[in-house]
């Protein structure tokens, strides 16, 4: 349990707190959603930090390889479910985007497990990395939209609309990149399906 792995575990531990504050509508002026947004940013920062420390100090372990992608998927899935549950992303577009994103994660994870059982490592490619970056920018912007909707302050309509459009465009781009990267993984690693 080295430092990078401790940071990964911290990321997992932060998720229920993020969900609690996001859903804590009894906290006035949407402060709960603001706290949840801050927790998400901190958790995302630990994701970047643990990988950097592991590579720099040569602390890459099998536990880290196992835990890190799981922590990422739980974190992003939690936020995706939160933003569709409260209607931040309008129905049915939110449900469609979330289904596509989570389905891709299951497919790629299954392929990686199958490949690993044969001693093959499926590394992340440029499309997967690009999808992750866009997704990790889209999600906090969506959380910001949720905060603006509940803060009770008189946010100018033009600013509110601009942030909403940015959130929807980013989530749409993340969904499109999810499809592209998922298809790319399947095509490049189709041998995983051969028995």
N, C-alpha and C. Protein backbone atom coordinates (compact mmCIF):
# COMPACT_ATOMS: atom_id res chain seq x y z
N UNK A 1 0.85 -1.19 0.00
CA UNK A 1 0.00 0.00 0.00
C UNK A 1 0.89 1.24 0.00
N UNK A 2 1.44 1.56 -1.17
CA UNK A 2 2.33 2.72 -1.30
C UNK A 2 1.50 4.00 -1.49
N UNK A 3 2.19 5.12 -1.65
CA UNK A 3 1.50 6.42 -1.74
C UNK A 3 0.52 6.49 -2.91
N UNK A 4 0.89 6.09 -4.13
CA UNK A 4 -0.08 6.15 -5.22
C UNK A 4 -1.34 5.33 -4.94
N UNK A 5 -1.17 4.15 -4.34
CA UNK A 5 -2.33 3.32 -4.02
C UNK A 5 -3.18 3.93 -2.92
N UNK A 6 -2.53 4.60 -1.97
CA UNK A 6 -3.28 5.30 -0.92
C UNK A 6 -4.12 6.43 -1.52
N UNK A 7 -3.56 7.12 -2.51
CA UNK A 7 -4.30 8.19 -3.19
C UNK A 7 -5.49 7.61 -3.96
N UNK A 8 -5.30 6.44 -4.56
CA UNK A 8 -6.40 5.78 -5.28
C UNK A 8 -7.51 5.39 -4.31
N UNK A 9 -7.13 4.84 -3.16
CA UNK A 9 -8.11 4.47 -2.14
C UNK A 9 -8.83 5.72 -1.63
N UNK A 10 -8.08 6.81 -1.45
CA UNK A 10 -8.69 8.08 -1.02
C UNK A 10 -9.76 8.52 -2.03
N UNK A 11 -9.46 8.35 -3.31
CA UNK A 11 -10.42 8.72 -4.35
C UNK A 11 -11.73 7.92 -4.19
N UNK A 12 -11.60 6.64 -3.90
CA UNK A 12 -12.79 5.80 -3.70
C UNK A 12 -13.55 6.24 -2.45
N UNK A 13 -12.81 6.55 -1.39
CA UNK A 13 -13.44 6.97 -0.12
C UNK A 13 -14.18 8.29 -0.29
N UNK A 14 -13.68 9.18 -1.15
CA UNK A 14 -14.31 10.50 -1.35
C UNK A 14 -15.65 10.40 -2.09
N UNK A 15 -15.86 9.33 -2.85
CA UNK A 15 -17.06 9.22 -3.70
C UNK A 15 -18.37 9.28 -2.91
N UNK A 16 -18.54 8.50 -1.81
CA UNK A 16 -19.80 8.61 -1.08
C UNK A 16 -20.03 9.99 -0.48
N UNK A 17 -18.95 10.66 -0.06
CA UNK A 17 -19.09 12.02 0.47
C UNK A 17 -19.56 12.97 -0.62
N UNK A 18 -18.98 12.83 -1.82
CA UNK A 18 -19.39 13.65 -2.95
C UNK A 18 -20.88 13.45 -3.24
N UNK A 19 -21.31 12.18 -3.25
CA UNK A 19 -22.71 11.86 -3.54
C UNK A 19 -23.63 12.42 -2.45
N UNK A 20 -23.21 12.28 -1.20
CA UNK A 20 -24.02 12.80 -0.10
C UNK A 20 -24.25 14.30 -0.24
N UNK A 21 -23.18 15.05 -0.44
CA UNK A 21 -23.32 16.51 -0.53
C UNK A 21 -24.10 16.92 -1.77
N UNK A 22 -23.90 16.21 -2.87
CA UNK A 22 -24.63 16.56 -4.09
C UNK A 22 -26.14 16.40 -3.89
N UNK A 23 -26.52 15.36 -3.16
CA UNK A 23 -27.93 15.07 -2.94
C UNK A 23 -28.51 15.77 -1.71
N UNK A 24 -27.66 16.49 -0.96
CA UNK A 24 -28.09 17.12 0.30
C UNK A 24 -28.83 18.43 0.01
N UNK A 25 -30.06 18.30 -0.50
CA UNK A 25 -30.84 19.49 -0.87
C UNK A 25 -31.29 20.29 0.34
N UNK A 26 -31.14 19.70 1.54
CA UNK A 26 -31.52 20.44 2.75
C UNK A 26 -30.48 21.51 3.10
N UNK A 27 -29.31 21.46 2.47
CA UNK A 27 -28.30 22.51 2.69
C UNK A 27 -28.68 23.69 1.80
N UNK A 28 -28.89 24.88 2.40
CA UNK A 28 -29.41 26.01 1.60
C UNK A 28 -28.44 26.52 0.54
N UNK A 29 -29.01 27.20 -0.45
CA UNK A 29 -28.26 27.88 -1.52
C UNK A 29 -27.38 26.94 -2.35
N UNK A 30 -27.76 25.68 -2.42
CA UNK A 30 -27.01 24.73 -3.25
C UNK A 30 -25.59 24.49 -2.81
N UNK A 31 -25.28 24.82 -1.54
CA UNK A 31 -23.91 24.68 -1.05
C UNK A 31 -23.45 23.22 -1.12
N UNK A 32 -24.39 22.29 -0.91
CA UNK A 32 -24.04 20.88 -0.98
C UNK A 32 -23.48 20.52 -2.35
N UNK A 33 -24.11 21.04 -3.41
CA UNK A 33 -23.63 20.75 -4.77
C UNK A 33 -22.26 21.39 -5.02
N UNK A 34 -22.05 22.56 -4.43
CA UNK A 34 -20.74 23.21 -4.57
C UNK A 34 -19.66 22.40 -3.87
N UNK A 35 -19.97 21.89 -2.67
CA UNK A 35 -19.02 21.03 -1.94
C UNK A 35 -18.74 19.76 -2.74
N UNK A 36 -19.80 19.17 -3.32
CA UNK A 36 -19.63 17.97 -4.15
C UNK A 36 -18.72 18.24 -5.34
N UNK A 37 -18.88 19.40 -5.95
CA UNK A 37 -18.03 19.79 -7.08
C UNK A 37 -16.57 19.88 -6.65
N UNK A 38 -16.33 20.48 -5.49
CA UNK A 38 -14.96 20.61 -4.97
C UNK A 38 -14.37 19.23 -4.68
N UNK A 39 -15.18 18.35 -4.09
CA UNK A 39 -14.71 16.98 -3.80
C UNK A 39 -14.36 16.26 -5.10
N UNK A 40 -15.19 16.44 -6.14
CA UNK A 40 -14.90 15.81 -7.43
C UNK A 40 -13.57 16.31 -8.00
N UNK A 41 -13.34 17.61 -7.92
CA UNK A 41 -12.08 18.18 -8.43
C UNK A 41 -10.88 17.61 -7.67
N UNK A 42 -11.01 17.52 -6.33
CA UNK A 42 -9.94 16.95 -5.51
C UNK A 42 -9.70 15.48 -5.89
N UNK A 43 -10.79 14.72 -6.04
CA UNK A 43 -10.68 13.30 -6.41
C UNK A 43 -10.02 13.15 -7.78
N UNK A 44 -10.40 14.00 -8.73
CA UNK A 44 -9.80 13.96 -10.07
C UNK A 44 -8.32 14.29 -10.00
N UNK A 45 -7.96 15.22 -9.12
CA UNK A 45 -6.55 15.60 -8.96
C UNK A 45 -5.74 14.42 -8.42
N UNK A 46 -6.33 13.64 -7.49
CA UNK A 46 -5.62 12.47 -6.96
C UNK A 46 -5.37 11.44 -8.07
N UNK A 47 -6.30 11.39 -9.05
CA UNK A 47 -6.12 10.46 -10.18
C UNK A 47 -4.88 10.83 -10.98
N UNK A 48 -4.72 12.11 -11.26
CA UNK A 48 -3.56 12.57 -12.00
C UNK A 48 -2.28 12.38 -11.17
N UNK A 49 -2.40 12.67 -9.87
CA UNK A 49 -1.24 12.65 -8.99
C UNK A 49 -0.72 11.23 -8.76
N UNK A 50 -1.64 10.27 -8.54
CA UNK A 50 -1.16 8.91 -8.22
C UNK A 50 -0.40 8.29 -9.39
N UNK A 51 -0.88 8.54 -10.62
CA UNK A 51 -0.17 8.01 -11.79
C UNK A 51 1.19 8.64 -11.96
N UNK A 52 1.25 9.95 -11.74
CA UNK A 52 2.52 10.67 -11.89
C UNK A 52 3.54 10.19 -10.86
N UNK A 53 3.11 10.04 -9.61
CA UNK A 53 4.02 9.58 -8.55
C UNK A 53 4.47 8.14 -8.82
N UNK A 54 3.52 7.30 -9.24
CA UNK A 54 3.85 5.88 -9.49
C UNK A 54 4.91 5.75 -10.58
N UNK A 55 4.76 6.54 -11.64
CA UNK A 55 5.73 6.45 -12.74
C UNK A 55 7.07 7.06 -12.34
N UNK A 56 7.02 8.20 -11.67
CA UNK A 56 8.26 8.92 -11.32
C UNK A 56 9.10 8.12 -10.32
N UNK A 57 8.44 7.51 -9.32
CA UNK A 57 9.16 6.79 -8.26
C UNK A 57 9.22 5.29 -8.51
N UNK A 58 8.76 4.86 -9.69
CA UNK A 58 8.72 3.44 -10.03
C UNK A 58 7.97 2.63 -8.97
N UNK A 59 6.77 3.09 -8.65
CA UNK A 59 5.94 2.44 -7.64
C UNK A 59 4.71 1.78 -8.26
N UNK A 60 4.83 1.38 -9.52
CA UNK A 60 3.70 0.75 -10.21
C UNK A 60 3.54 -0.67 -9.67
N UNK A 61 2.33 -0.97 -9.18
CA UNK A 61 2.05 -2.29 -8.61
C UNK A 61 0.82 -2.90 -9.28
N UNK A 62 0.66 -4.22 -9.11
CA UNK A 62 -0.53 -4.88 -9.64
C UNK A 62 -1.79 -4.36 -8.97
N UNK A 63 -1.69 -4.07 -7.66
CA UNK A 63 -2.84 -3.50 -6.94
C UNK A 63 -3.24 -2.16 -7.55
N UNK A 64 -2.25 -1.34 -7.85
CA UNK A 64 -2.52 -0.03 -8.47
C UNK A 64 -3.16 -0.17 -9.84
N UNK A 65 -2.63 -1.11 -10.64
CA UNK A 65 -3.19 -1.35 -11.97
C UNK A 65 -4.64 -1.80 -11.89
N UNK A 66 -4.97 -2.52 -10.82
CA UNK A 66 -6.33 -3.02 -10.63
C UNK A 66 -7.25 -1.93 -10.08
N UNK A 67 -6.77 -1.24 -9.04
CA UNK A 67 -7.61 -0.26 -8.34
C UNK A 67 -7.85 1.03 -9.11
N UNK A 68 -6.82 1.52 -9.78
CA UNK A 68 -6.91 2.85 -10.41
C UNK A 68 -8.06 2.95 -11.43
N UNK A 69 -8.16 2.03 -12.40
CA UNK A 69 -9.27 2.15 -13.35
C UNK A 69 -10.64 1.95 -12.69
N UNK A 70 -10.69 1.10 -11.65
CA UNK A 70 -11.97 0.90 -10.94
C UNK A 70 -12.39 2.19 -10.25
N UNK A 71 -11.44 2.85 -9.58
CA UNK A 71 -11.74 4.12 -8.90
C UNK A 71 -12.23 5.16 -9.90
N UNK A 72 -11.58 5.23 -11.07
CA UNK A 72 -11.98 6.19 -12.10
C UNK A 72 -13.41 5.92 -12.57
N UNK A 73 -13.71 4.65 -12.82
CA UNK A 73 -15.03 4.30 -13.35
C UNK A 73 -16.12 4.55 -12.31
N UNK A 74 -15.84 4.27 -11.04
CA UNK A 74 -16.84 4.52 -9.99
C UNK A 74 -17.08 6.03 -9.86
N UNK A 75 -16.00 6.80 -9.88
CA UNK A 75 -16.12 8.26 -9.75
C UNK A 75 -16.93 8.86 -10.89
N UNK A 76 -16.58 8.54 -12.13
CA UNK A 76 -17.29 9.12 -13.27
C UNK A 76 -18.72 8.61 -13.35
N UNK A 77 -18.93 7.32 -13.07
CA UNK A 77 -20.29 6.76 -13.11
C UNK A 77 -21.18 7.43 -12.07
N UNK A 78 -20.62 7.66 -10.88
CA UNK A 78 -21.40 8.31 -9.81
C UNK A 78 -21.88 9.69 -10.25
N UNK A 79 -20.97 10.48 -10.84
CA UNK A 79 -21.35 11.83 -11.28
C UNK A 79 -22.37 11.75 -12.41
N UNK A 80 -22.16 10.83 -13.35
CA UNK A 80 -23.11 10.69 -14.46
C UNK A 80 -24.51 10.37 -13.94
N UNK A 81 -24.60 9.45 -12.98
CA UNK A 81 -25.91 9.11 -12.42
C UNK A 81 -26.52 10.31 -11.67
N UNK A 82 -25.69 11.06 -10.97
CA UNK A 82 -26.19 12.22 -10.23
C UNK A 82 -26.76 13.28 -11.16
N UNK A 83 -26.06 13.57 -12.26
CA UNK A 83 -26.52 14.66 -13.13
C UNK A 83 -27.73 14.28 -13.97
N UNK A 84 -27.97 12.97 -14.14
CA UNK A 84 -29.23 12.63 -14.83
C UNK A 84 -30.36 12.47 -13.83
N UNK A 85 -30.03 12.06 -12.59
CA UNK A 85 -31.07 11.87 -11.57
C UNK A 85 -31.76 13.18 -11.22
N UNK A 86 -31.00 14.28 -11.20
CA UNK A 86 -31.62 15.56 -10.82
C UNK A 86 -32.02 16.41 -12.03
N UNK A 87 -31.88 15.84 -13.23
CA UNK A 87 -32.33 16.55 -14.43
C UNK A 87 -31.40 17.62 -14.94
N UNK A 88 -30.16 17.64 -14.44
CA UNK A 88 -29.20 18.63 -14.94
C UNK A 88 -29.01 18.46 -16.44
N UNK A 89 -28.90 17.21 -16.88
CA UNK A 89 -28.89 16.91 -18.32
C UNK A 89 -30.31 16.48 -18.67
N UNK A 90 -30.97 17.20 -19.57
CA UNK A 90 -32.39 16.93 -19.85
C UNK A 90 -32.64 15.50 -20.33
N UNK A 91 -33.79 14.99 -19.94
CA UNK A 91 -34.25 13.66 -20.37
C UNK A 91 -34.70 13.75 -21.83
N UNK A 92 -34.43 12.80 -22.69
CA UNK A 92 -33.75 11.52 -22.48
C UNK A 92 -32.26 11.56 -22.80
N UNK A 93 -31.74 12.75 -23.14
CA UNK A 93 -30.35 12.83 -23.60
C UNK A 93 -29.35 12.37 -22.54
N UNK A 94 -29.62 12.72 -21.28
CA UNK A 94 -28.72 12.30 -20.21
C UNK A 94 -28.66 10.80 -20.07
N UNK A 95 -29.84 10.17 -20.12
CA UNK A 95 -29.91 8.70 -19.99
C UNK A 95 -29.18 8.03 -21.15
N UNK A 96 -29.34 8.56 -22.36
CA UNK A 96 -28.68 7.99 -23.54
C UNK A 96 -27.16 8.11 -23.40
N UNK A 97 -26.69 9.32 -23.04
CA UNK A 97 -25.25 9.55 -22.89
C UNK A 97 -24.66 8.65 -21.82
N UNK A 98 -25.33 8.55 -20.69
CA UNK A 98 -24.82 7.73 -19.58
C UNK A 98 -24.78 6.26 -19.97
N UNK A 99 -25.81 5.78 -20.65
CA UNK A 99 -25.84 4.38 -21.08
C UNK A 99 -24.69 4.07 -22.03
N UNK A 100 -24.45 4.97 -22.99
CA UNK A 100 -23.35 4.77 -23.95
C UNK A 100 -22.00 4.76 -23.23
N UNK A 101 -21.80 5.74 -22.35
CA UNK A 101 -20.50 5.86 -21.66
C UNK A 101 -20.24 4.65 -20.77
N UNK A 102 -21.24 4.23 -20.00
CA UNK A 102 -21.04 3.10 -19.08
C UNK A 102 -20.94 1.79 -19.85
N UNK A 103 -21.71 1.63 -20.92
CA UNK A 103 -21.61 0.40 -21.73
C UNK A 103 -20.21 0.25 -22.30
N UNK A 104 -19.65 1.35 -22.78
CA UNK A 104 -18.29 1.30 -23.33
C UNK A 104 -17.29 0.86 -22.25
N UNK A 105 -17.45 1.39 -21.03
CA UNK A 105 -16.53 1.04 -19.95
C UNK A 105 -16.60 -0.46 -19.65
N UNK A 106 -17.82 -1.01 -19.63
CA UNK A 106 -17.98 -2.46 -19.39
C UNK A 106 -17.34 -3.28 -20.51
N UNK A 107 -17.56 -2.87 -21.75
CA UNK A 107 -17.02 -3.61 -22.90
C UNK A 107 -15.49 -3.61 -22.87
N UNK A 108 -14.91 -2.43 -22.67
CA UNK A 108 -13.44 -2.33 -22.67
C UNK A 108 -12.86 -3.08 -21.47
N UNK A 109 -13.52 -2.97 -20.30
CA UNK A 109 -13.03 -3.69 -19.11
C UNK A 109 -13.07 -5.20 -19.34
N UNK A 110 -14.15 -5.68 -19.96
CA UNK A 110 -14.26 -7.12 -20.24
C UNK A 110 -13.18 -7.56 -21.22
N UNK A 111 -12.92 -6.74 -22.24
CA UNK A 111 -11.87 -7.06 -23.20
C UNK A 111 -10.50 -7.11 -22.52
N UNK A 112 -10.25 -6.16 -21.64
CA UNK A 112 -8.96 -6.13 -20.94
C UNK A 112 -8.79 -7.35 -20.05
N UNK A 113 -9.86 -7.74 -19.35
CA UNK A 113 -9.79 -8.93 -18.50
C UNK A 113 -9.53 -10.18 -19.33
N UNK A 114 -10.23 -10.29 -20.44
CA UNK A 114 -10.06 -11.44 -21.32
C UNK A 114 -8.63 -11.48 -21.89
N UNK A 115 -8.15 -10.32 -22.32
CA UNK A 115 -6.78 -10.24 -22.86
C UNK A 115 -5.75 -10.57 -21.78
N UNK A 116 -5.99 -10.05 -20.57
CA UNK A 116 -5.06 -10.30 -19.46
C UNK A 116 -4.97 -11.79 -19.13
N UNK A 117 -6.10 -12.50 -19.26
CA UNK A 117 -6.10 -13.94 -18.98
C UNK A 117 -5.23 -14.69 -19.99
N UNK A 118 -4.98 -14.06 -21.15
CA UNK A 118 -4.12 -14.66 -22.18
C UNK A 118 -2.72 -14.06 -22.17
N UNK A 119 -2.44 -13.22 -21.16
CA UNK A 119 -1.12 -12.62 -21.03
C UNK A 119 -0.90 -11.41 -21.92
N UNK A 120 -2.00 -10.85 -22.44
CA UNK A 120 -1.90 -9.68 -23.32
C UNK A 120 -2.39 -8.44 -22.56
N UNK A 121 -1.66 -7.34 -22.70
CA UNK A 121 -2.06 -6.09 -22.07
C UNK A 121 -2.62 -5.16 -23.13
N UNK A 122 -3.84 -4.67 -22.91
CA UNK A 122 -4.44 -3.69 -23.83
C UNK A 122 -4.22 -2.31 -23.21
N UNK A 123 -3.31 -1.57 -23.81
CA UNK A 123 -2.98 -0.24 -23.28
C UNK A 123 -3.98 0.79 -23.78
N UNK A 124 -4.12 1.88 -23.01
CA UNK A 124 -4.97 2.99 -23.44
C UNK A 124 -4.37 3.65 -24.67
N UNK A 125 -5.22 3.98 -25.64
CA UNK A 125 -4.72 4.65 -26.84
C UNK A 125 -5.12 6.12 -26.80
N UNK A 126 -4.77 6.86 -27.84
CA UNK A 126 -5.01 8.31 -27.87
C UNK A 126 -6.50 8.64 -27.78
N UNK A 127 -7.37 7.81 -28.40
CA UNK A 127 -8.80 8.07 -28.35
C UNK A 127 -9.35 7.89 -26.94
N UNK A 128 -8.87 6.85 -26.26
CA UNK A 128 -9.30 6.61 -24.88
C UNK A 128 -8.86 7.74 -23.96
N UNK A 129 -7.62 8.20 -24.17
CA UNK A 129 -7.10 9.29 -23.33
C UNK A 129 -7.85 10.59 -23.60
N UNK A 130 -8.14 10.85 -24.88
CA UNK A 130 -8.87 12.06 -25.25
C UNK A 130 -10.28 12.03 -24.67
N UNK A 131 -10.92 10.86 -24.74
CA UNK A 131 -12.26 10.69 -24.17
C UNK A 131 -12.25 10.99 -22.68
N UNK A 132 -11.23 10.49 -21.98
CA UNK A 132 -11.12 10.70 -20.53
C UNK A 132 -10.94 12.18 -20.19
N UNK A 133 -10.08 12.87 -20.95
CA UNK A 133 -9.84 14.30 -20.69
C UNK A 133 -11.12 15.11 -20.88
N UNK A 134 -11.81 14.87 -22.01
CA UNK A 134 -13.05 15.62 -22.29
C UNK A 134 -14.10 15.31 -21.23
N UNK A 135 -14.20 14.05 -20.84
CA UNK A 135 -15.17 13.64 -19.82
C UNK A 135 -14.86 14.31 -18.48
N UNK A 136 -13.58 14.35 -18.11
CA UNK A 136 -13.21 14.93 -16.82
C UNK A 136 -13.35 16.44 -16.80
N UNK A 137 -13.47 17.08 -17.96
CA UNK A 137 -13.79 18.51 -18.03
C UNK A 137 -15.31 18.69 -18.05
N UNK A 138 -16.01 17.81 -18.78
CA UNK A 138 -17.47 17.92 -18.92
C UNK A 138 -18.19 17.74 -17.59
N UNK A 139 -17.77 16.76 -16.80
CA UNK A 139 -18.50 16.43 -15.57
C UNK A 139 -18.52 17.56 -14.55
N UNK A 140 -17.38 18.20 -14.24
CA UNK A 140 -17.47 19.32 -13.29
C UNK A 140 -18.28 20.50 -13.83
N UNK A 141 -18.26 20.71 -15.16
CA UNK A 141 -19.07 21.80 -15.73
C UNK A 141 -20.56 21.48 -15.55
N UNK A 142 -20.91 20.20 -15.75
CA UNK A 142 -22.30 19.77 -15.50
C UNK A 142 -22.68 19.97 -14.03
N UNK A 143 -21.75 19.66 -13.13
CA UNK A 143 -22.00 19.86 -11.70
C UNK A 143 -22.15 21.35 -11.38
N UNK A 144 -21.40 22.18 -12.09
CA UNK A 144 -21.53 23.63 -11.92
C UNK A 144 -22.91 24.10 -12.36
N UNK A 145 -23.43 23.53 -13.45
CA UNK A 145 -24.79 23.84 -13.91
C UNK A 145 -25.80 23.50 -12.82
N UNK A 146 -25.63 22.32 -12.21
CA UNK A 146 -26.54 21.89 -11.13
C UNK A 146 -26.48 22.86 -9.95
N UNK A 147 -25.28 23.32 -9.63
CA UNK A 147 -25.13 24.29 -8.53
C UNK A 147 -25.84 25.60 -8.87
N UNK A 148 -25.66 26.10 -10.09
CA UNK A 148 -26.30 27.36 -10.49
C UNK A 148 -27.82 27.25 -10.42
N UNK A 149 -28.35 26.07 -10.78
CA UNK A 149 -29.80 25.86 -10.76
C UNK A 149 -30.37 25.89 -9.34
N UNK A 150 -29.53 25.57 -8.35
CA UNK A 150 -30.03 25.45 -6.97
C UNK A 150 -29.50 26.52 -6.02
N UNK A 151 -28.58 27.38 -6.49
CA UNK A 151 -27.92 28.31 -5.56
C UNK A 151 -28.85 29.42 -5.06
N UNK A 152 -29.89 29.73 -5.83
CA UNK A 152 -30.83 30.75 -5.40
C UNK A 152 -30.35 32.17 -5.66
N UNK A 153 -29.15 32.31 -6.19
CA UNK A 153 -28.65 33.65 -6.53
C UNK A 153 -29.12 34.03 -7.92
N UNK A 154 -29.19 35.31 -8.16
CA UNK A 154 -29.68 35.80 -9.45
C UNK A 154 -28.54 35.78 -10.47
N UNK A 155 -28.28 34.60 -11.02
CA UNK A 155 -27.23 34.45 -12.03
C UNK A 155 -27.78 34.97 -13.35
N UNK A 156 -27.07 35.88 -14.02
CA UNK A 156 -27.57 36.41 -15.30
C UNK A 156 -27.90 35.28 -16.29
N UNK A 157 -29.03 35.43 -16.98
CA UNK A 157 -29.48 34.39 -17.90
C UNK A 157 -28.44 34.06 -18.97
N UNK A 158 -27.75 35.09 -19.47
CA UNK A 158 -26.76 34.87 -20.52
C UNK A 158 -25.63 33.97 -20.01
N UNK A 159 -25.16 34.23 -18.77
CA UNK A 159 -24.09 33.42 -18.18
C UNK A 159 -24.57 32.00 -17.94
N UNK A 160 -25.78 31.88 -17.38
CA UNK A 160 -26.36 30.56 -17.10
C UNK A 160 -26.49 29.75 -18.39
N UNK A 161 -27.02 30.38 -19.43
CA UNK A 161 -27.21 29.71 -20.72
C UNK A 161 -25.87 29.30 -21.33
N UNK A 162 -24.87 30.17 -21.24
CA UNK A 162 -23.53 29.88 -21.78
C UNK A 162 -22.92 28.65 -21.11
N UNK A 163 -23.01 28.60 -19.77
CA UNK A 163 -22.44 27.47 -19.03
C UNK A 163 -23.19 26.18 -19.37
N UNK A 164 -24.52 26.28 -19.51
CA UNK A 164 -25.32 25.10 -19.88
C UNK A 164 -24.91 24.58 -21.26
N UNK A 165 -24.76 25.49 -22.22
CA UNK A 165 -24.38 25.08 -23.58
C UNK A 165 -23.01 24.42 -23.57
N UNK A 166 -22.06 25.01 -22.82
CA UNK A 166 -20.71 24.43 -22.72
C UNK A 166 -20.79 23.01 -22.13
N UNK A 167 -21.61 22.86 -21.07
CA UNK A 167 -21.75 21.54 -20.42
C UNK A 167 -22.32 20.52 -21.39
N UNK A 168 -23.38 20.90 -22.13
CA UNK A 168 -24.03 19.97 -23.05
C UNK A 168 -23.11 19.60 -24.22
N UNK A 169 -22.38 20.60 -24.73
CA UNK A 169 -21.45 20.35 -25.85
C UNK A 169 -20.32 19.42 -25.39
N UNK A 170 -19.77 19.68 -24.21
CA UNK A 170 -18.68 18.84 -23.69
C UNK A 170 -19.15 17.41 -23.44
N UNK A 171 -20.35 17.27 -22.84
CA UNK A 171 -20.85 15.92 -22.58
C UNK A 171 -21.17 15.21 -23.90
N UNK A 172 -21.69 15.95 -24.87
CA UNK A 172 -21.93 15.37 -26.20
C UNK A 172 -20.64 14.92 -26.85
N UNK A 173 -19.60 15.76 -26.74
CA UNK A 173 -18.29 15.41 -27.31
C UNK A 173 -17.71 14.19 -26.60
N UNK A 174 -17.87 14.13 -25.27
CA UNK A 174 -17.38 12.97 -24.51
C UNK A 174 -18.10 11.71 -24.94
N UNK A 175 -19.41 11.82 -25.22
CA UNK A 175 -20.19 10.66 -25.66
C UNK A 175 -19.74 10.18 -27.04
N UNK A 176 -19.52 11.13 -27.95
CA UNK A 176 -19.05 10.78 -29.30
C UNK A 176 -17.66 10.13 -29.23
N UNK A 177 -16.77 10.72 -28.42
CA UNK A 177 -15.43 10.14 -28.26
C UNK A 177 -15.49 8.77 -27.60
N UNK A 178 -16.48 8.57 -26.73
CA UNK A 178 -16.68 7.26 -26.10
C UNK A 178 -16.99 6.21 -27.15
N UNK A 179 -17.88 6.55 -28.09
CA UNK A 179 -18.24 5.62 -29.17
C UNK A 179 -17.03 5.33 -30.05
N UNK A 180 -16.31 6.40 -30.43
CA UNK A 180 -15.14 6.24 -31.30
C UNK A 180 -14.07 5.39 -30.62
N UNK A 181 -13.75 5.73 -29.36
CA UNK A 181 -12.68 4.99 -28.67
C UNK A 181 -13.10 3.55 -28.40
N UNK A 182 -14.38 3.33 -28.07
CA UNK A 182 -14.86 1.97 -27.84
C UNK A 182 -14.78 1.14 -29.10
N UNK A 183 -15.23 1.70 -30.22
CA UNK A 183 -15.16 1.00 -31.50
C UNK A 183 -13.71 0.71 -31.88
N UNK A 184 -12.84 1.68 -31.62
CA UNK A 184 -11.41 1.53 -31.93
C UNK A 184 -10.80 0.38 -31.13
N UNK A 185 -11.14 0.30 -29.81
CA UNK A 185 -10.64 -0.80 -28.97
C UNK A 185 -11.11 -2.15 -29.52
N UNK A 186 -12.39 -2.24 -29.88
CA UNK A 186 -12.95 -3.50 -30.37
C UNK A 186 -12.29 -3.92 -31.68
N UNK A 187 -12.13 -2.96 -32.61
CA UNK A 187 -11.54 -3.26 -33.92
C UNK A 187 -10.07 -3.68 -33.77
N UNK A 188 -9.31 -2.91 -32.98
CA UNK A 188 -7.88 -3.19 -32.82
C UNK A 188 -7.61 -4.48 -32.06
N UNK A 189 -8.56 -4.86 -31.20
CA UNK A 189 -8.34 -6.03 -30.34
C UNK A 189 -9.38 -7.12 -30.57
N UNK A 190 -9.82 -7.25 -31.83
CA UNK A 190 -10.87 -8.23 -32.14
C UNK A 190 -10.43 -9.66 -31.87
N UNK A 191 -9.12 -9.87 -31.79
CA UNK A 191 -8.64 -11.21 -31.49
C UNK A 191 -9.06 -11.68 -30.10
N UNK A 192 -9.39 -10.72 -29.23
CA UNK A 192 -9.85 -11.06 -27.87
C UNK A 192 -11.13 -11.88 -27.92
N UNK A 193 -11.90 -11.74 -29.00
CA UNK A 193 -13.18 -12.43 -29.10
C UNK A 193 -13.02 -13.84 -29.70
N UNK A 194 -11.82 -14.15 -30.18
CA UNK A 194 -11.59 -15.46 -30.77
C UNK A 194 -11.23 -16.47 -29.69
N UNK A 195 -11.81 -17.63 -29.76
CA UNK A 195 -11.49 -18.70 -28.82
C UNK A 195 -10.79 -19.82 -29.58
